[in-house]
Amino acid sequence: MTEIKVIEEKENLLFKRKEVKIFIHSEKSPSREEASNILSKNFSVPSMGVKIKSISGNFGSKTFNIEANLYSSKEEKDSVELKKKKEAAMESKPVGAAA
């Protein structure tokens, strides 16, 4: 599986979030969804409350640095974080139009 090491963990009271930097050893680069699931399990927050800032790794190595902001709920995350164009487009589409 993956080996996880917390590099930095900081509580930001102004934005009501926890800012973390973790180091992961994995066979392949984790997707944003996989990283979100790993963080939600390790820090006991809902996966919808995780905002991945960056996933970086060096060429040829199997180690990756992940920076993320963790919120206690999706509503708190949405009130602080800006949405990407893709995320905004996905929410504006009706549910039946996705097919």
PDB file of N, CA and C in Angstrom:
ATOM      1  N   MET A   1       0.844  -1.186   0.000  1.00  0.00           N
ATOM      2  CA  MET A   1       0.000   0.000   0.000  1.00  0.00           C
ATOM      3  C   MET A   1       0.884   1.243   0.000  1.00  0.00           C
ATOM      4  N   THR A   2       0.420   2.306   0.552  1.00  0.00           N
ATOM      5  CA  THR A   2       1.173   3.551   0.555  1.00  0.00           C
ATOM      6  C   THR A   2       1.691   3.853   1.953  1.00  0.00           C
ATOM      7  N   GLU A   3       2.896   4.401   1.996  1.00  0.00           N
ATOM      8  CA  GLU A   3       3.494   4.830   3.258  1.00  0.00           C
ATOM      9  C   GLU A   3       3.304   6.331   3.374  1.00  0.00           C
ATOM     10  N   ILE A   4       2.775   6.798   4.501  1.00  0.00           N
ATOM     11  CA  ILE A   4       2.423   8.207   4.671  1.00  0.00           C
ATOM     12  C   ILE A   4       3.188   8.794   5.852  1.00  0.00           C
ATOM     13  N   LYS A   5       3.751   9.998   5.633  1.00  0.00           N
ATOM     14  CA  LYS A   5       4.467  10.704   6.691  1.00  0.00           C
ATOM     15  C   LYS A   5       4.011  12.160   6.684  1.00  0.00           C
ATOM     16  N   VAL A   6       3.569  12.665   7.831  1.00  0.00           N
ATOM     17  CA  VAL A   6       3.122  14.056   7.938  1.00  0.00           C
ATOM     18  C   VAL A   6       4.352  14.942   8.119  1.00  0.00           C
ATOM     19  N   ILE A   7       4.539  15.892   7.185  1.00  0.00           N
ATOM     20  CA  ILE A   7       5.671  16.809   7.246  1.00  0.00           C
ATOM     21  C   ILE A   7       5.302  18.027   8.077  1.00  0.00           C
ATOM     22  N   GLU A   8       4.141  18.605   7.797  1.00  0.00           N
ATOM     23  CA  GLU A   8       3.707  19.809   8.504  1.00  0.00           C
ATOM     24  C   GLU A   8       2.197  19.777   8.684  1.00  0.00           C
ATOM     25  N   GLU A   9       1.760  20.195   9.854  1.00  0.00           N
ATOM     26  CA  GLU A   9       0.323  20.271  10.143  1.00  0.00           C
ATOM     27  C   GLU A   9       0.087  21.564  10.920  1.00  0.00           C
ATOM     28  N   LYS A  10      -0.711  22.466  10.337  1.00  0.00           N
ATOM     29  CA  LYS A  10      -0.926  23.774  10.945  1.00  0.00           C
ATOM     30  C   LYS A  10      -2.416  24.080  10.990  1.00  0.00           C
ATOM     31  N   GLU A  11      -2.886  24.559  12.133  1.00  0.00           N
ATOM     32  CA  GLU A  11      -4.288  24.932  12.305  1.00  0.00           C
ATOM     33  C   GLU A  11      -4.448  26.413  11.952  1.00  0.00           C
ATOM     34  N   ASN A  12      -5.338  26.723  11.012  1.00  0.00           N
ATOM     35  CA  ASN A  12      -5.611  28.100  10.607  1.00  0.00           C
ATOM     36  C   ASN A  12      -6.993  28.470  11.140  1.00  0.00           C
ATOM     37  N   LEU A  13      -7.022  29.195  12.225  1.00  0.00           N
ATOM     38  CA  LEU A  13      -8.291  29.517  12.886  1.00  0.00           C
ATOM     39  C   LEU A  13      -9.099  30.553  12.113  1.00  0.00           C
ATOM     40  N   LEU A  14      -8.434  31.426  11.370  1.00  0.00           N
ATOM     41  CA  LEU A  14      -9.142  32.446  10.610  1.00  0.00           C
ATOM     42  C   LEU A  14     -10.060  31.814   9.560  1.00  0.00           C
ATOM     43  N   PHE A  15      -9.558  30.822   8.829  1.00  0.00           N
ATOM     44  CA  PHE A  15     -10.348  30.170   7.783  1.00  0.00           C
ATOM     45  C   PHE A  15     -10.987  28.858   8.254  1.00  0.00           C
ATOM     46  N   LYS A  16     -10.817  28.529   9.531  1.00  0.00           N
ATOM     47  CA  LYS A  16     -11.395  27.309  10.111  1.00  0.00           C
ATOM     48  C   LYS A  16     -10.981  26.078   9.329  1.00  0.00           C
ATOM     49  N   ARG A  17      -9.663  25.931   9.139  1.00  0.00           N
ATOM     50  CA  ARG A  17      -9.158  24.784   8.394  1.00  0.00           C
ATOM     51  C   ARG A  17      -7.827  24.330   8.980  1.00  0.00           C
ATOM     52  N   LYS A  18      -7.418  23.142   8.554  1.00  0.00           N
ATOM     53  CA  LYS A  18      -6.127  22.595   8.911  1.00  0.00           C
ATOM     54  C   LYS A  18      -5.316  22.490   7.621  1.00  0.00           C
ATOM     55  N   GLU A  19      -4.131  23.072   7.611  1.00  0.00           N
ATOM     56  CA  GLU A  19      -3.262  23.040   6.438  1.00  0.00           C
ATOM     57  C   GLU A  19      -2.194  21.975   6.667  1.00  0.00           C
ATOM     58  N   VAL A  20      -2.116  21.002   5.759  1.00  0.00           N
ATOM     59  CA  VAL A  20      -1.180  19.895   5.939  1.00  0.00           C
ATOM     60  C   VAL A  20      -0.291  19.718   4.721  1.00  0.00           C
ATOM     61  N   LYS A  21       0.908  19.205   4.986  1.00  0.00           N
ATOM     62  CA  LYS A  21       1.833  18.766   3.956  1.00  0.00           C
ATOM     63  C   LYS A  21       2.226  17.352   4.341  1.00  0.00           C
ATOM     64  N   ILE A  22       2.008  16.422   3.424  1.00  0.00           N
ATOM     65  CA  ILE A  22       2.357  15.039   3.710  1.00  0.00           C
ATOM     66  C   ILE A  22       3.275  14.492   2.621  1.00  0.00           C
ATOM     67  N   PHE A  23       3.985  13.439   2.957  1.00  0.00           N
ATOM     68  CA  PHE A  23       4.930  12.762   2.084  1.00  0.00           C
ATOM     69  C   PHE A  23       4.407  11.342   1.908  1.00  0.00           C
ATOM     70  N   ILE A  24       4.213  10.924   0.658  1.00  0.00           N
ATOM     71  CA  ILE A  24       3.657   9.595   0.381  1.00  0.00           C
ATOM     72  C   ILE A  24       4.623   8.805  -0.479  1.00  0.00           C
ATOM     73  N   HIS A  25       4.831   7.554  -0.134  1.00  0.00           N
ATOM     74  CA  HIS A  25       5.602   6.630  -0.965  1.00  0.00           C
ATOM     75  C   HIS A  25       4.591   5.688  -1.614  1.00  0.00           C
ATOM     76  N   SER A  26       4.519   5.728  -2.946  1.00  0.00           N
ATOM     77  CA  SER A  26       3.525   4.935  -3.669  1.00  0.00           C
ATOM     78  C   SER A  26       4.110   4.487  -5.004  1.00  0.00           C
ATOM     79  N   GLU A  27       3.584   3.419  -5.563  1.00  0.00           N
ATOM     80  CA  GLU A  27       4.065   2.902  -6.844  1.00  0.00           C
ATOM     81  C   GLU A  27       3.729   3.823  -8.009  1.00  0.00           C
ATOM     82  N   LYS A  28       2.592   4.502  -7.939  1.00  0.00           N
ATOM     83  CA  LYS A  28       2.195   5.422  -9.011  1.00  0.00           C
ATOM     84  C   LYS A  28       1.720   6.730  -8.413  1.00  0.00           C
ATOM     85  N   SER A  29       1.688   7.753  -9.225  1.00  0.00           N
ATOM     86  CA  SER A  29       1.262   9.071  -8.766  1.00  0.00           C
ATOM     87  C   SER A  29      -0.203   9.016  -8.355  1.00  0.00           C
ATOM     88  N   PRO A  30      -0.526   9.458  -7.140  1.00  0.00           N
ATOM     89  CA  PRO A  30      -1.923   9.414  -6.696  1.00  0.00           C
ATOM     90  C   PRO A  30      -2.756  10.491  -7.405  1.00  0.00           C
ATOM     91  N   SER A  31      -3.969  10.150  -7.773  1.00  0.00           N
ATOM     92  CA  SER A  31      -4.875  11.135  -8.354  1.00  0.00           C
ATOM     93  C   SER A  31      -5.381  12.034  -7.234  1.00  0.00           C
ATOM     94  N   ARG A  32      -6.030  13.134  -7.594  1.00  0.00           N
ATOM     95  CA  ARG A  32      -6.576  14.037  -6.572  1.00  0.00           C
ATOM     96  C   ARG A  32      -7.627  13.322  -5.725  1.00  0.00           C
ATOM     97  N   GLU A  33      -8.403  12.447  -6.357  1.00  0.00           N
ATOM     98  CA  GLU A  33      -9.432  11.702  -5.630  1.00  0.00           C
ATOM     99  C   GLU A  33      -8.799  10.722  -4.631  1.00  0.00           C
ATOM    100  N   GLU A  34      -7.752  10.005  -5.073  1.00  0.00           N
ATOM    101  CA  GLU A  34      -7.064   9.076  -4.177  1.00  0.00           C
ATOM    102  C   GLU A  34      -6.424   9.824  -3.009  1.00  0.00           C
ATOM    103  N   ALA A  35      -5.782  10.966  -3.305  1.00  0.00           N
ATOM    104  CA  ALA A  35      -5.154  11.765  -2.255  1.00  0.00           C
ATOM    105  C   ALA A  35      -6.196  12.280  -1.276  1.00  0.00           C
ATOM    106  N   SER A  36      -7.347  12.690  -1.788  1.00  0.00           N
ATOM    107  CA  SER A  36      -8.432  13.165  -0.938  1.00  0.00           C
ATOM    108  C   SER A  36      -8.916  12.054   0.000  1.00  0.00           C
ATOM    109  N   ASN A  37      -9.051  10.844  -0.519  1.00  0.00           N
ATOM    110  CA  ASN A  37      -9.488   9.712   0.305  1.00  0.00           C
ATOM    111  C   ASN A  37      -8.459   9.371   1.376  1.00  0.00           C
ATOM    112  N   ILE A  38      -7.167   9.408   1.024  1.00  0.00           N
ATOM    113  CA  ILE A  38      -6.099   9.123   1.985  1.00  0.00           C
ATOM    114  C   ILE A  38      -6.124  10.146   3.117  1.00  0.00           C
ATOM    115  N   LEU A  39      -6.244  11.422   2.761  1.00  0.00           N
ATOM    116  CA  LEU A  39      -6.267  12.481   3.772  1.00  0.00           C
ATOM    117  C   LEU A  39      -7.507  12.399   4.655  1.00  0.00           C
ATOM    118  N   SER A  40      -8.661  12.094   4.056  1.00  0.00           N
ATOM    119  CA  SER A  40      -9.888  12.024   4.851  1.00  0.00           C
ATOM    120  C   SER A  40      -9.828  10.880   5.857  1.00  0.00           C
ATOM    121  N   LYS A  41      -9.193   9.765   5.492  1.00  0.00           N
ATOM    122  CA  LYS A  41      -9.056   8.645   6.424  1.00  0.00           C
ATOM    123  C   LYS A  41      -8.076   8.981   7.549  1.00  0.00           C
ATOM    124  N   ASN A  42      -6.935   9.569   7.203  1.00  0.00           N
ATOM    125  CA  ASN A  42      -5.895   9.830   8.200  1.00  0.00           C
ATOM    126  C   ASN A  42      -6.247  10.958   9.159  1.00  0.00           C
ATOM    127  N   PHE A  43      -7.001  11.962   8.707  1.00  0.00           N
ATOM    128  CA  PHE A  43      -7.305  13.108   9.544  1.00  0.00           C
ATOM    129  C   PHE A  43      -8.763  13.170   9.985  1.00  0.00           C
ATOM    130  N   SER A  44      -9.539  12.147   9.703  1.00  0.00           N
ATOM    131  CA  SER A  44     -10.941  12.035  10.124  1.00  0.00           C
ATOM    132  C   SER A  44     -11.781  13.250   9.729  1.00  0.00           C
ATOM    133  N   VAL A  45     -11.713  13.600   8.450  1.00  0.00           N
ATOM    134  CA  VAL A  45     -12.556  14.658   7.896  1.00  0.00           C
ATOM    135  C   VAL A  45     -13.297  14.076   6.690  1.00  0.00           C
ATOM    136  N   PRO A  46     -14.447  14.647   6.301  1.00  0.00           N
ATOM    137  CA  PRO A  46     -15.148  14.131   5.120  1.00  0.00           C
ATOM    138  C   PRO A  46     -14.331  14.402   3.856  1.00  0.00           C
ATOM    139  N   SER A  47     -14.391  13.490   2.895  1.00  0.00           N
ATOM    140  CA  SER A  47     -13.606  13.655   1.665  1.00  0.00           C
ATOM    141  C   SER A  47     -14.048  14.882   0.862  1.00  0.00           C
ATOM    142  N   MET A  48     -15.304  15.329   1.052  1.00  0.00           N
ATOM    143  CA  MET A  48     -15.768  16.540   0.367  1.00  0.00           C
ATOM    144  C   MET A  48     -15.203  17.801   1.026  1.00  0.00           C
ATOM    145  N   GLY A  49     -14.609  17.662   2.202  1.00  0.00           N
ATOM    146  CA  GLY A  49     -14.022  18.786   2.915  1.00  0.00           C
ATOM    147  C   GLY A  49     -12.522  18.919   2.704  1.00  0.00           C
ATOM    148  N   VAL A  50     -11.984  18.195   1.711  1.00  0.00           N
ATOM    149  CA  VAL A  50     -10.545  18.228   1.435  1.00  0.00           C
ATOM    150  C   VAL A  50     -10.309  18.999   0.142  1.00  0.00           C
ATOM    151  N   LYS A  51      -9.408  19.976   0.188  1.00  0.00           N
ATOM    152  CA  LYS A  51      -9.012  20.735  -0.998  1.00  0.00           C
ATOM    153  C   LYS A  51      -7.526  20.468  -1.239  1.00  0.00           C
ATOM    154  N   ILE A  52      -7.218  19.750  -2.317  1.00  0.00           N
ATOM    155  CA  ILE A  52      -5.838  19.442  -2.671  1.00  0.00           C
ATOM    156  C   ILE A  52      -5.243  20.656  -3.370  1.00  0.00           C
ATOM    157  N   LYS A  53      -4.167  21.196  -2.815  1.00  0.00           N
ATOM    158  CA  LYS A  53      -3.498  22.339  -3.431  1.00  0.00           C
ATOM    159  C   LYS A  53      -2.497  21.864  -4.480  1.00  0.00           C
ATOM    160  N   SER A  54      -1.696  20.843  -4.143  1.00  0.00           N
ATOM    161  CA  SER A  54      -0.720  20.349  -5.114  1.00  0.00           C
ATOM    162  C   SER A  54      -0.298  18.929  -4.783  1.00  0.00           C
ATOM    163  N   ILE A  55       0.058  18.209  -5.845  1.00  0.00           N
ATOM    164  CA  ILE A  55       0.673  16.891  -5.739  1.00  0.00           C
ATOM    165  C   ILE A  55       1.932  16.971  -6.584  1.00  0.00           C
ATOM    166  N   SER A  56       3.084  16.810  -5.969  1.00  0.00           N
ATOM    167  CA  SER A  56       4.331  16.923  -6.728  1.00  0.00           C
ATOM    168  C   SER A  56       5.235  15.738  -6.422  1.00  0.00           C
ATOM    169  N   GLY A  57       5.980  15.351  -7.438  1.00  0.00           N
ATOM    170  CA  GLY A  57       6.931  14.260  -7.304  1.00  0.00           C
ATOM    171  C   GLY A  57       8.092  14.479  -8.252  1.00  0.00           C
ATOM    172  N   ASN A  58       9.189  13.827  -7.972  1.00  0.00           N
ATOM    173  CA  ASN A  58      10.348  13.926  -8.840  1.00  0.00           C
ATOM    174  C   ASN A  58      10.336  12.796  -9.855  1.00  0.00           C
ATOM    175  N   PHE A  59      10.859  13.074 -11.039  1.00  0.00           N
ATOM    176  CA  PHE A  59      10.873  12.086 -12.105  1.00  0.00           C
ATOM    177  C   PHE A  59      11.654  10.852 -11.671  1.00  0.00           C
ATOM    178  N   GLY A  60      11.038   9.691 -11.827  1.00  0.00           N
ATOM    179  CA  GLY A  60      11.703   8.432 -11.524  1.00  0.00           C
ATOM    180  C   GLY A  60      11.600   7.994 -10.070  1.00  0.00           C
ATOM    181  N   SER A  61      11.192   8.859  -9.192  1.00  0.00           N
ATOM    182  CA  SER A  61      11.062   8.452  -7.788  1.00  0.00           C
ATOM    183  C   SER A  61       9.620   8.057  -7.515  1.00  0.00           C
ATOM    184  N   LYS A  62       9.445   7.328  -6.465  1.00  0.00           N
ATOM    185  CA  LYS A  62       8.104   6.867  -6.101  1.00  0.00           C
ATOM    186  C   LYS A  62       7.618   7.576  -4.848  1.00  0.00           C
ATOM    187  N   THR A  63       8.097   8.797  -4.671  1.00  0.00           N
ATOM    188  CA  THR A  63       7.689   9.593  -3.513  1.00  0.00           C
ATOM    189  C   THR A  63       7.004  10.865  -3.999  1.00  0.00           C
ATOM    190  N   PHE A  64       5.970  11.283  -3.280  1.00  0.00           N
ATOM    191  CA  PHE A  64       5.160  12.423  -3.686  1.00  0.00           C
ATOM    192  C   PHE A  64       4.862  13.297  -2.477  1.00  0.00           C
ATOM    193  N   ASN A  65       4.896  14.600  -2.692  1.00  0.00           N
ATOM    194  CA  ASN A  65       4.519  15.569  -1.666  1.00  0.00           C
ATOM    195  C   ASN A  65       3.121  16.076  -1.990  1.00  0.00           C
ATOM    196  N   ILE A  66       2.259  16.101  -1.003  1.00  0.00           N
ATOM    197  CA  ILE A  66       0.891  16.573  -1.188  1.00  0.00           C
ATOM    198  C   ILE A  66       0.633  17.711  -0.202  1.00  0.00           C
ATOM    199  N   GLU A  67       0.143  18.827  -0.730  1.00  0.00           N
ATOM    200  CA  GLU A  67      -0.277  19.948   0.115  1.00  0.00           C
ATOM    201  C   GLU A  67      -1.789  20.050   0.009  1.00  0.00           C
ATOM    202  N   ALA A  68      -2.454  20.194   1.154  1.00  0.00           N
ATOM    203  CA  ALA A  68      -3.915  20.235   1.148  1.00  0.00           C
ATOM    204  C   ALA A  68      -4.442  21.058   2.306  1.00  0.00           C
ATOM    205  N   ASN A  69      -5.670  21.533   2.131  1.00  0.00           N
ATOM    206  CA  ASN A  69      -6.420  22.210   3.185  1.00  0.00           C
ATOM    207  C   ASN A  69      -7.568  21.292   3.584  1.00  0.00           C
ATOM    208  N   LEU A  70      -7.743  21.090   4.889  1.00  0.00           N
ATOM    209  CA  LEU A  70      -8.789  20.207   5.397  1.00  0.00           C
ATOM    210  C   LEU A  70      -9.832  21.028   6.146  1.00  0.00           C
ATOM    211  N   TYR A  71     -11.085  20.846   5.767  1.00  0.00           N
ATOM    212  CA  TYR A  71     -12.206  21.553   6.387  1.00  0.00           C
ATOM    213  C   TYR A  71     -13.108  20.533   7.064  1.00  0.00           C
ATOM    214  N   SER A  72     -13.844  20.969   8.076  1.00  0.00           N
ATOM    215  CA  SER A  72     -14.719  20.043   8.805  1.00  0.00           C
ATOM    216  C   SER A  72     -16.000  19.731   8.037  1.00  0.00           C
ATOM    217  N   SER A  73     -16.352  20.561   7.032  1.00  0.00           N
ATOM    218  CA  SER A  73     -17.551  20.289   6.232  1.00  0.00           C
ATOM    219  C   SER A  73     -17.395  20.873   4.826  1.00  0.00           C
ATOM    220  N   LYS A  74     -18.229  20.411   3.912  1.00  0.00           N
ATOM    221  CA  LYS A  74     -18.216  20.898   2.534  1.00  0.00           C
ATOM    222  C   LYS A  74     -18.622  22.372   2.476  1.00  0.00           C
ATOM    223  N   GLU A  75     -19.552  22.775   3.348  1.00  0.00           N
ATOM    224  CA  GLU A  75     -20.026  24.162   3.356  1.00  0.00           C
ATOM    225  C   GLU A  75     -18.904  25.127   3.726  1.00  0.00           C
ATOM    226  N   GLU A  76     -18.086  24.766   4.715  1.00  0.00           N
ATOM    227  CA  GLU A  76     -16.956  25.614   5.101  1.00  0.00           C
ATOM    228  C   GLU A  76     -15.939  25.708   3.960  1.00  0.00           C
ATOM    229  N   LYS A  77     -15.712  24.586   3.288  1.00  0.00           N
ATOM    230  CA  LYS A  77     -14.783  24.576   2.156  1.00  0.00           C
ATOM    231  C   LYS A  77     -15.287  25.486   1.038  1.00  0.00           C
ATOM    232  N   ASP A  78     -16.563  25.380   0.706  1.00  0.00           N
ATOM    233  CA  ASP A  78     -17.131  26.179  -0.386  1.00  0.00           C
ATOM    234  C   ASP A  78     -17.146  27.668  -0.063  1.00  0.00           C
ATOM    235  N   SER A  79     -17.262  28.020   1.212  1.00  0.00           N
ATOM    236  CA  SER A  79     -17.295  29.440   1.576  1.00  0.00           C
ATOM    237  C   SER A  79     -15.918  30.097   1.479  1.00  0.00           C
ATOM    238  N   VAL A  80     -14.845  29.313   1.544  1.00  0.00           N
ATOM    239  CA  VAL A  80     -13.487  29.868   1.539  1.00  0.00           C
ATOM    240  C   VAL A  80     -12.781  29.668   0.196  1.00  0.00           C
ATOM    241  N   GLU A  81     -12.815  28.456  -0.334  1.00  0.00           N
ATOM    242  CA  GLU A  81     -12.045  28.109  -1.535  1.00  0.00           C
ATOM    243  C   GLU A  81     -12.750  28.545  -2.812  1.00  0.00           C
ATOM    244  N   LEU A  82     -11.958  29.000  -3.782  1.00  0.00           N
ATOM    245  CA  LEU A  82     -12.478  29.292  -5.110  1.00  0.00           C
ATOM    246  C   LEU A  82     -12.598  27.997  -5.893  1.00  0.00           C
ATOM    247  N   LYS A  83     -13.607  27.929  -6.751  1.00  0.00           N
ATOM    248  CA  LYS A  83     -13.802  26.731  -7.560  1.00  0.00           C
ATOM    249  C   LYS A  83     -13.128  26.903  -8.907  1.00  0.00           C
ATOM    250  N   LYS A  84     -12.629  25.797  -9.436  1.00  0.00           N
ATOM    251  CA  LYS A  84     -12.062  25.801 -10.781  1.00  0.00           C
ATOM    252  C   LYS A  84     -13.205  25.818 -11.784  1.00  0.00           C
ATOM    253  N   LYS A  85     -12.894  26.157 -13.030  1.00  0.00           N
ATOM    254  CA  LYS A  85     -13.936  26.210 -14.066  1.00  0.00           C
ATOM    255  C   LYS A  85     -14.615  24.859 -14.236  1.00  0.00           C
ATOM    256  N   LYS A  86     -13.833  23.776 -14.175  1.00  0.00           N
ATOM    257  CA  LYS A  86     -14.400  22.436 -14.323  1.00  0.00           C
ATOM    258  C   LYS A  86     -15.401  22.140 -13.217  1.00  0.00           C
ATOM    259  N   GLU A  87     -15.033  22.467 -11.975  1.00  0.00           N
ATOM    260  CA  GLU A  87     -15.914  22.197 -10.841  1.00  0.00           C
ATOM    261  C   GLU A  87     -17.202  23.000 -10.933  1.00  0.00           C
ATOM    262  N   ALA A  88     -17.096  24.258 -11.335  1.00  0.00           N
ATOM    263  CA  ALA A  88     -18.283  25.107 -11.460  1.00  0.00           C
ATOM    264  C   ALA A  88     -19.191  24.603 -12.578  1.00  0.00           C
ATOM    265  N   ALA A  89     -18.605  24.147 -13.689  1.00  0.00           N
ATOM    266  CA  ALA A  89     -19.387  23.626 -14.802  1.00  0.00           C
ATOM    267  C   ALA A  89     -20.109  22.340 -14.425  1.00  0.00           C
ATOM    268  N   MET A  90     -19.449  21.498 -13.659  1.00  0.00           N
ATOM    269  CA  MET A  90     -20.065  20.227 -13.248  1.00  0.00           C
ATOM    270  C   MET A  90     -21.262  20.471 -12.324  1.00  0.00           C
ATOM    271  N   GLU A  91     -21.178  21.458 -11.454  1.00  0.00           N
ATOM    272  CA  GLU A  91     -22.287  21.744 -10.550  1.00  0.00           C
ATOM    273  C   GLU A  91     -23.439  22.438 -11.229  1.00  0.00           C
ATOM    274  N   SER A  92     -23.171  23.191 -12.292  1.00  0.00           N
ATOM    275  CA  SER A  92     -24.250  23.912 -12.964  1.00  0.00           C
ATOM    276  C   SER A  92     -25.048  23.023 -13.910  1.00  0.00           C
ATOM    277  N   LYS A  93     -24.484  21.869 -14.315  1.00  0.00           N
ATOM    278  CA  LYS A  93     -25.209  20.958 -15.196  1.00  0.00           C
ATOM    279  C   LYS A  93     -26.321  20.234 -14.422  1.00  0.00           C
ATOM    280  N   PRO A  94     -27.461  20.025 -15.065  1.00  0.00           N
ATOM    281  CA  PRO A  94     -28.494  19.214 -14.423  1.00  0.00           C
ATOM    282  C   PRO A  94     -28.014  17.759 -14.303  1.00  0.00           C
ATOM    283  N   VAL A  95     -28.525  17.039 -13.347  1.00  0.00           N
ATOM    284  CA  VAL A  95     -28.089  15.671 -13.081  1.00  0.00           C
ATOM    285  C   VAL A  95     -28.362  14.761 -14.271  1.00  0.00           C
ATOM    286  N   GLY A  96     -29.485  14.895 -14.918  1.00  0.00           N
ATOM    287  CA  GLY A  96     -29.840  14.037 -16.057  1.00  0.00           C
ATOM    288  C   GLY A  96     -29.042  14.319 -17.307  1.00  0.00           C
ATOM    289  N   ALA A  97     -28.414  15.487 -17.435  1.00  0.00           N
ATOM    290  CA  ALA A  97     -27.668  15.853 -18.634  1.00  0.00           C
ATOM    291  C   ALA A  97     -26.288  15.252 -18.667  1.00  0.00           C
ATOM    292  N   ALA A  98     -25.846  14.625 -17.610  1.00  0.00           N
ATOM    293  CA  ALA A  98     -24.489  14.049 -17.566  1.00  0.00           C
ATOM    294  C   ALA A  98     -24.374  12.806 -18.430  1.00  0.00           C
ATOM    295  N   ALA A  99     -25.462  12.169 -18.773  1.00  0.00           N
ATOM    296  CA  ALA A  99     -25.424  10.928 -19.546  1.00  0.00           C
ATOM    297  C   ALA A  99     -25.253  11.128 -20.986  1.00  0.00           C
TER     298      ALA A  99
END
